[in-house]
N, C-alpha and C. Protein backbone atom coordinates (compact mmCIF):
# COMPACT_ATOMS: atom_id res chain seq x y z
N MET A 1 -19.36 -37.11 -43.64
CA MET A 1 -20.00 -36.56 -44.95
C MET A 1 -20.46 -37.81 -45.57
N LEU A 2 -21.14 -37.34 -46.28
CA LEU A 2 -21.63 -38.20 -47.01
C LEU A 2 -21.22 -38.04 -48.15
N ALA A 3 -20.99 -38.60 -49.75
CA ALA A 3 -21.37 -38.75 -50.82
C ALA A 3 -21.89 -37.75 -51.82
N ALA A 4 -23.35 -38.16 -51.04
CA ALA A 4 -24.52 -38.10 -51.92
C ALA A 4 -24.48 -36.27 -51.91
N GLU A 5 -23.83 -35.37 -50.60
CA GLU A 5 -23.58 -34.42 -50.25
C GLU A 5 -22.84 -33.39 -51.26
N LEU A 6 -22.28 -34.01 -51.97
CA LEU A 6 -20.68 -33.39 -52.47
C LEU A 6 -21.28 -33.47 -54.15
N ASN A 7 -22.75 -32.71 -54.84
CA ASN A 7 -23.04 -33.04 -55.90
C ASN A 7 -23.34 -31.29 -56.74
N LYS A 8 -22.25 -30.43 -56.08
CA LYS A 8 -21.84 -29.41 -57.06
C LYS A 8 -20.73 -29.85 -57.60
N ARG A 9 -20.23 -29.14 -59.15
CA ARG A 9 -18.82 -28.98 -59.30
C ARG A 9 -18.03 -28.22 -59.33
N ILE A 10 -16.81 -27.77 -58.36
CA ILE A 10 -16.04 -26.69 -58.01
C ILE A 10 -14.78 -26.80 -59.23
N THR A 11 -14.57 -26.06 -59.50
CA THR A 11 -12.83 -25.58 -59.84
C THR A 11 -12.05 -25.15 -59.41
N LEU A 12 -11.00 -25.32 -58.25
CA LEU A 12 -9.62 -25.01 -57.99
C LEU A 12 -8.71 -23.87 -58.74
N TYR A 13 -8.43 -22.95 -58.87
CA TYR A 13 -7.70 -21.80 -59.55
C TYR A 13 -6.66 -21.68 -57.76
N ARG A 14 -5.35 -21.03 -58.47
CA ARG A 14 -4.22 -21.07 -57.11
C ARG A 14 -3.53 -19.68 -58.33
N PRO A 15 -3.17 -18.86 -57.34
CA PRO A 15 -2.44 -17.95 -57.86
C PRO A 15 -0.96 -17.92 -58.76
N ILE A 16 -0.32 -17.63 -59.43
CA ILE A 16 0.44 -17.89 -59.77
C ILE A 16 1.60 -15.96 -60.21
N THR A 17 2.59 -15.90 -59.83
CA THR A 17 3.17 -15.06 -60.10
C THR A 17 4.37 -15.13 -61.01
N LYS A 18 4.53 -14.45 -62.50
CA LYS A 18 4.79 -14.54 -63.13
C LYS A 18 5.56 -12.89 -64.10
N TYR A 19 6.68 -13.84 -64.93
CA TYR A 19 6.97 -11.88 -65.18
C TYR A 19 7.20 -11.67 -65.98
N ARG A 20 6.55 -10.38 -66.38
CA ARG A 20 6.76 -10.03 -67.60
C ARG A 20 8.43 -9.93 -68.59
N PRO A 21 8.34 -9.51 -69.86
CA PRO A 21 9.57 -9.48 -70.40
C PRO A 21 10.65 -8.85 -69.37
N LEU A 22 10.50 -7.89 -69.05
CA LEU A 22 10.70 -6.19 -68.55
C LEU A 22 11.64 -6.80 -66.95
N GLY A 23 10.79 -7.68 -66.46
CA GLY A 23 11.17 -8.02 -65.25
C GLY A 23 9.91 -7.33 -64.11
N ASP A 24 9.07 -6.97 -64.97
CA ASP A 24 8.00 -6.63 -63.61
C ASP A 24 6.96 -7.96 -63.09
N PRO A 25 6.33 -8.30 -62.29
CA PRO A 25 6.07 -9.04 -61.52
C PRO A 25 4.17 -9.07 -62.32
N TYR A 26 3.56 -10.23 -62.15
CA TYR A 26 2.02 -9.99 -62.37
C TYR A 26 1.21 -11.51 -61.96
N THR A 27 0.18 -11.41 -61.56
CA THR A 27 -0.36 -12.92 -60.98
C THR A 27 -1.36 -13.18 -61.88
N GLU A 28 -1.35 -14.85 -61.83
CA GLU A 28 -2.25 -15.22 -63.18
C GLU A 28 -2.20 -16.29 -62.84
N MET A 29 -3.56 -16.88 -62.60
CA MET A 29 -5.17 -18.05 -61.66
C MET A 29 -4.76 -19.25 -62.80
N GLU A 30 -3.95 -19.95 -62.28
CA GLU A 30 -3.81 -21.46 -62.68
C GLU A 30 -4.94 -22.13 -62.49
N ALA A 31 -5.67 -23.17 -63.21
CA ALA A 31 -6.40 -24.12 -62.77
C ALA A 31 -6.06 -25.41 -61.83
N VAL A 32 -6.23 -25.32 -60.93
CA VAL A 32 -5.42 -27.09 -60.40
C VAL A 32 -5.59 -27.97 -60.23
N ASN A 33 -7.27 -28.33 -60.37
CA ASN A 33 -8.26 -28.92 -60.07
C ASN A 33 -9.88 -29.42 -60.01
N THR A 34 -10.65 -29.95 -60.67
CA THR A 34 -11.87 -29.94 -60.44
C THR A 34 -12.59 -31.19 -59.91
N VAL A 35 -13.27 -30.64 -59.16
CA VAL A 35 -13.13 -31.60 -57.35
C VAL A 35 -15.51 -31.64 -57.46
N TRP A 36 -15.84 -32.33 -56.11
CA TRP A 36 -16.72 -32.17 -56.35
C TRP A 36 -16.59 -31.40 -54.37
N ALA A 37 -18.30 -30.62 -54.57
CA ALA A 37 -18.25 -30.07 -53.51
C ALA A 37 -19.53 -29.93 -52.99
N HIS A 38 -20.09 -29.50 -52.00
CA HIS A 38 -21.41 -28.89 -51.99
C HIS A 38 -21.12 -27.41 -50.88
N ALA A 39 -22.38 -26.29 -51.99
CA ALA A 39 -22.50 -25.37 -52.32
C ALA A 39 -23.29 -24.73 -50.92
N GLU A 40 -22.80 -23.73 -50.52
CA GLU A 40 -23.85 -23.64 -49.55
C GLU A 40 -24.44 -21.72 -49.28
N SER A 41 -25.07 -21.28 -50.18
CA SER A 41 -25.54 -19.66 -49.74
C SER A 41 -25.40 -18.82 -48.04
N ILE A 42 -24.48 -17.85 -48.03
CA ILE A 42 -24.67 -17.61 -46.83
C ILE A 42 -24.65 -16.17 -46.85
N SER A 43 -24.70 -15.27 -47.58
CA SER A 43 -25.55 -13.76 -47.19
C SER A 43 -25.09 -13.14 -48.58
N ASN A 44 -26.03 -12.02 -48.96
CA ASN A 44 -26.02 -11.33 -49.94
C ASN A 44 -25.94 -9.72 -48.91
N ARG A 45 -25.06 -9.27 -49.64
CA ARG A 45 -24.61 -7.56 -48.39
C ARG A 45 -24.49 -6.86 -48.97
N LYS A 46 -25.05 -5.80 -48.40
CA LYS A 46 -24.82 -4.41 -50.11
C LYS A 46 -23.97 -3.90 -49.50
N ILE A 47 -22.32 -2.87 -49.82
CA ILE A 47 -21.78 -2.10 -49.71
C ILE A 47 -21.84 -0.80 -50.86
N ARG A 48 -21.86 0.20 -50.74
CA ARG A 48 -22.02 1.24 -50.99
C ARG A 48 -20.77 2.24 -51.11
N THR A 49 -20.02 1.94 -52.35
CA THR A 49 -19.06 2.43 -52.77
C THR A 49 -19.05 4.09 -53.87
N ALA A 50 -18.38 5.41 -53.49
CA ALA A 50 -19.10 6.42 -54.44
C ALA A 50 -20.42 6.18 -54.97
N ASP A 51 -21.09 6.26 -55.40
CA ASP A 51 -22.49 6.88 -56.73
C ASP A 51 -22.62 5.09 -57.05
N GLN A 52 -22.38 4.18 -56.54
CA GLN A 52 -23.03 2.57 -56.95
C GLN A 52 -22.89 1.98 -55.78
N GLU A 53 -24.01 0.98 -55.52
CA GLU A 53 -24.26 -0.26 -54.79
C GLU A 53 -23.38 -1.90 -55.15
N GLN A 54 -23.16 -2.08 -54.42
CA GLN A 54 -22.56 -3.23 -54.47
C GLN A 54 -22.68 -3.80 -53.98
N VAL A 55 -22.81 -5.42 -54.53
CA VAL A 55 -23.70 -6.27 -54.12
C VAL A 55 -22.26 -7.82 -53.90
N ILE A 56 -21.98 -8.05 -52.34
CA ILE A 56 -21.14 -9.41 -52.11
C ILE A 56 -21.53 -10.18 -51.76
N GLU A 57 -21.67 -11.76 -52.90
CA GLU A 57 -21.72 -12.88 -52.17
C GLU A 57 -20.98 -13.92 -51.73
N THR A 58 -21.90 -14.22 -50.46
CA THR A 58 -20.75 -15.25 -49.74
C THR A 58 -21.55 -16.73 -50.21
N LEU A 59 -20.37 -17.82 -50.33
CA LEU A 59 -20.74 -18.66 -50.27
C LEU A 59 -19.63 -19.74 -49.63
N ARG A 60 -20.64 -20.87 -48.74
CA ARG A 60 -19.52 -21.56 -48.43
C ARG A 60 -19.69 -23.36 -48.71
N PHE A 61 -18.16 -23.84 -49.27
CA PHE A 61 -18.18 -25.08 -50.25
C PHE A 61 -17.09 -25.97 -48.90
N THR A 62 -18.04 -26.74 -49.07
CA THR A 62 -17.66 -28.34 -48.47
C THR A 62 -17.29 -29.18 -49.21
N LEU A 63 -16.01 -29.70 -48.99
CA LEU A 63 -15.39 -30.61 -49.78
C LEU A 63 -14.39 -31.30 -49.00
N ARG A 64 -13.85 -32.43 -49.86
CA ARG A 64 -13.23 -33.57 -49.02
C ARG A 64 -11.89 -33.01 -48.53
N PRO A 65 -11.22 -33.07 -47.05
CA PRO A 65 -10.07 -32.35 -46.79
C PRO A 65 -8.87 -32.25 -48.29
N ARG A 66 -8.44 -31.72 -48.38
CA ARG A 66 -6.94 -30.54 -49.03
C ARG A 66 -6.08 -30.25 -48.05
N ASN A 67 -5.11 -29.56 -48.32
CA ASN A 67 -4.16 -28.95 -47.60
C ASN A 67 -3.31 -28.22 -48.74
N ASP A 68 -3.03 -27.95 -49.54
CA ASP A 68 -3.00 -27.35 -50.94
C ASP A 68 -3.95 -25.98 -50.86
N ILE A 69 -4.63 -25.84 -50.34
CA ILE A 69 -6.33 -24.60 -50.79
C ILE A 69 -5.61 -23.51 -49.36
N ASP A 70 -5.74 -22.41 -50.21
CA ASP A 70 -4.59 -21.16 -49.10
C ASP A 70 -5.49 -19.61 -49.67
N ILE A 71 -5.99 -19.07 -48.63
CA ILE A 71 -7.20 -17.91 -48.70
C ILE A 71 -6.15 -16.78 -49.91
N ASP A 72 -6.89 -16.85 -51.14
CA ASP A 72 -6.66 -15.63 -52.55
C ASP A 72 -6.56 -16.75 -53.54
N TRP A 73 -7.00 -18.09 -52.80
CA TRP A 73 -6.70 -19.21 -54.31
C TRP A 73 -8.28 -18.86 -54.86
N LEU A 74 -9.01 -18.80 -56.19
CA LEU A 74 -9.79 -18.70 -56.25
C LEU A 74 -10.72 -20.30 -56.97
N ILE A 75 -12.57 -19.40 -56.45
CA ILE A 75 -13.39 -21.26 -56.76
C ILE A 75 -14.04 -20.75 -57.77
N GLY A 76 -13.63 -21.83 -59.29
CA GLY A 76 -15.28 -21.31 -59.92
C GLY A 76 -16.32 -22.42 -60.22
N TYR A 77 -17.54 -21.46 -59.73
CA TYR A 77 -18.54 -22.64 -59.84
C TYR A 77 -19.99 -21.55 -60.45
N GLN A 78 -20.79 -22.09 -60.93
CA GLN A 78 -21.91 -21.28 -61.71
C GLN A 78 -21.21 -21.03 -63.01
N GLN A 79 -20.22 -20.25 -63.68
CA GLN A 79 -19.54 -19.58 -64.34
C GLN A 79 -18.83 -18.05 -63.61
N ARG A 80 -19.18 -18.25 -62.53
CA ARG A 80 -18.53 -16.95 -61.87
C ARG A 80 -17.41 -17.74 -60.61
N ARG A 81 -16.11 -16.44 -60.55
CA ARG A 81 -15.02 -17.10 -59.81
C ARG A 81 -15.94 -15.89 -58.23
N PHE A 82 -15.38 -16.90 -56.87
CA PHE A 82 -15.48 -16.83 -56.02
C PHE A 82 -14.34 -16.90 -55.50
N THR A 83 -13.78 -15.63 -54.49
CA THR A 83 -12.16 -15.84 -53.49
C THR A 83 -12.34 -16.47 -52.39
N VAL A 84 -11.60 -17.30 -52.35
CA VAL A 84 -10.85 -17.71 -50.80
C VAL A 84 -10.88 -16.84 -49.50
N ARG A 85 -11.65 -16.56 -48.91
CA ARG A 85 -11.61 -15.62 -47.74
C ARG A 85 -11.59 -16.61 -46.47
N ALA A 86 -11.83 -17.15 -46.01
CA ALA A 86 -11.45 -18.47 -44.60
C ALA A 86 -11.92 -20.34 -45.17
N LEU A 87 -10.67 -20.70 -44.63
CA LEU A 87 -10.27 -21.58 -44.59
C LEU A 87 -10.69 -22.44 -43.24
N ASP A 88 -11.77 -23.77 -43.20
CA ASP A 88 -12.33 -24.22 -41.56
C ASP A 88 -11.90 -25.87 -41.65
N ARG A 89 -10.48 -25.57 -41.01
CA ARG A 89 -9.59 -27.70 -41.19
C ARG A 89 -9.93 -28.19 -39.98
N ASN A 90 -10.95 -27.63 -39.36
CA ASN A 90 -11.18 -28.70 -37.71
C ASN A 90 -11.71 -29.57 -37.68
N GLN A 91 -12.13 -30.14 -38.81
CA GLN A 91 -12.62 -31.34 -39.04
C GLN A 91 -12.38 -32.43 -39.77
N SER A 92 -11.42 -33.77 -40.02
CA SER A 92 -11.18 -34.59 -40.57
C SER A 92 -11.47 -34.66 -41.71
N ASP A 93 -12.71 -34.94 -41.38
CA ASP A 93 -13.36 -35.44 -42.88
C ASP A 93 -13.61 -34.58 -43.86
N ARG A 94 -13.85 -33.16 -43.89
CA ARG A 94 -13.98 -32.17 -44.79
C ARG A 94 -13.52 -30.72 -44.19
N LEU A 95 -13.62 -30.13 -45.36
CA LEU A 95 -12.50 -28.56 -45.21
C LEU A 95 -14.25 -27.63 -46.19
N ILE A 96 -14.77 -26.73 -44.66
CA ILE A 96 -15.01 -25.69 -45.49
C ILE A 96 -14.50 -24.28 -45.81
N ILE A 97 -14.89 -24.08 -46.96
CA ILE A 97 -13.90 -22.50 -47.31
C ILE A 97 -15.38 -21.88 -47.65
N THR A 98 -14.78 -20.59 -46.83
CA THR A 98 -15.86 -19.54 -46.64
C THR A 98 -15.21 -18.40 -48.30
N THR A 99 -15.77 -18.29 -49.31
CA THR A 99 -15.78 -17.83 -50.26
C THR A 99 -16.55 -16.23 -50.92
N GLU A 100 -16.11 -15.12 -51.32
CA GLU A 100 -16.78 -13.94 -51.49
C GLU A 100 -16.88 -13.95 -53.25
N ALA A 101 -17.61 -12.93 -53.88
CA ALA A 101 -18.17 -12.46 -54.61
C ALA A 101 -18.67 -11.37 -54.81
N ASN A 102 -17.81 -10.41 -55.48
CA ASN A 102 -18.17 -9.53 -56.10
C ASN A 102 -19.44 -9.73 -57.54
N ILE A 103 -20.89 -9.57 -57.42
CA ILE A 103 -21.52 -10.18 -58.32
C ILE A 103 -22.15 -9.50 -59.73
N ARG A 104 -22.17 -8.03 -58.87
CA ARG A 104 -22.92 -7.05 -59.54
C ARG A 104 -23.32 -5.73 -59.27
N HIS A 105 -23.17 -4.05 -60.12
CA HIS A 105 -23.28 -3.68 -59.47
C HIS A 105 -25.14 -3.18 -59.52
N ASP A 106 -25.97 -2.66 -59.18
CA ASP A 106 -26.80 -2.51 -58.49
C ASP A 106 -27.39 -1.19 -59.55
N ARG A 107 -26.89 -0.09 -59.74
CA ARG A 107 -27.10 1.29 -60.62
C ARG A 107 -25.09 1.73 -61.19
N LYS A 108 -25.29 2.03 -62.05
CA LYS A 108 -23.84 2.50 -63.03
C LYS A 108 -24.14 3.69 -63.18
């Protein structure tokens, strides 16, 4: 992988379980690091739910290998947050992450 291919800045967020004063748990996203990556749009698909159409955007991010990223982490990119759905660690020089984001509703 060439360093010039990693031309986008992304922020990695991991879920942290915290507890309220009465003991009930909640999940908060904690920023881990900002890294260079390659971003590639894979698809936009529409899912019809109730009375609205939902557009789900799928992106693939390629970055240098990391062992700490897992499913359900978030990736911040272009003022949006994408949920990690799959990790491909089959190549030793890169980590390929497939993510999804609910971008907008076509009708309200």
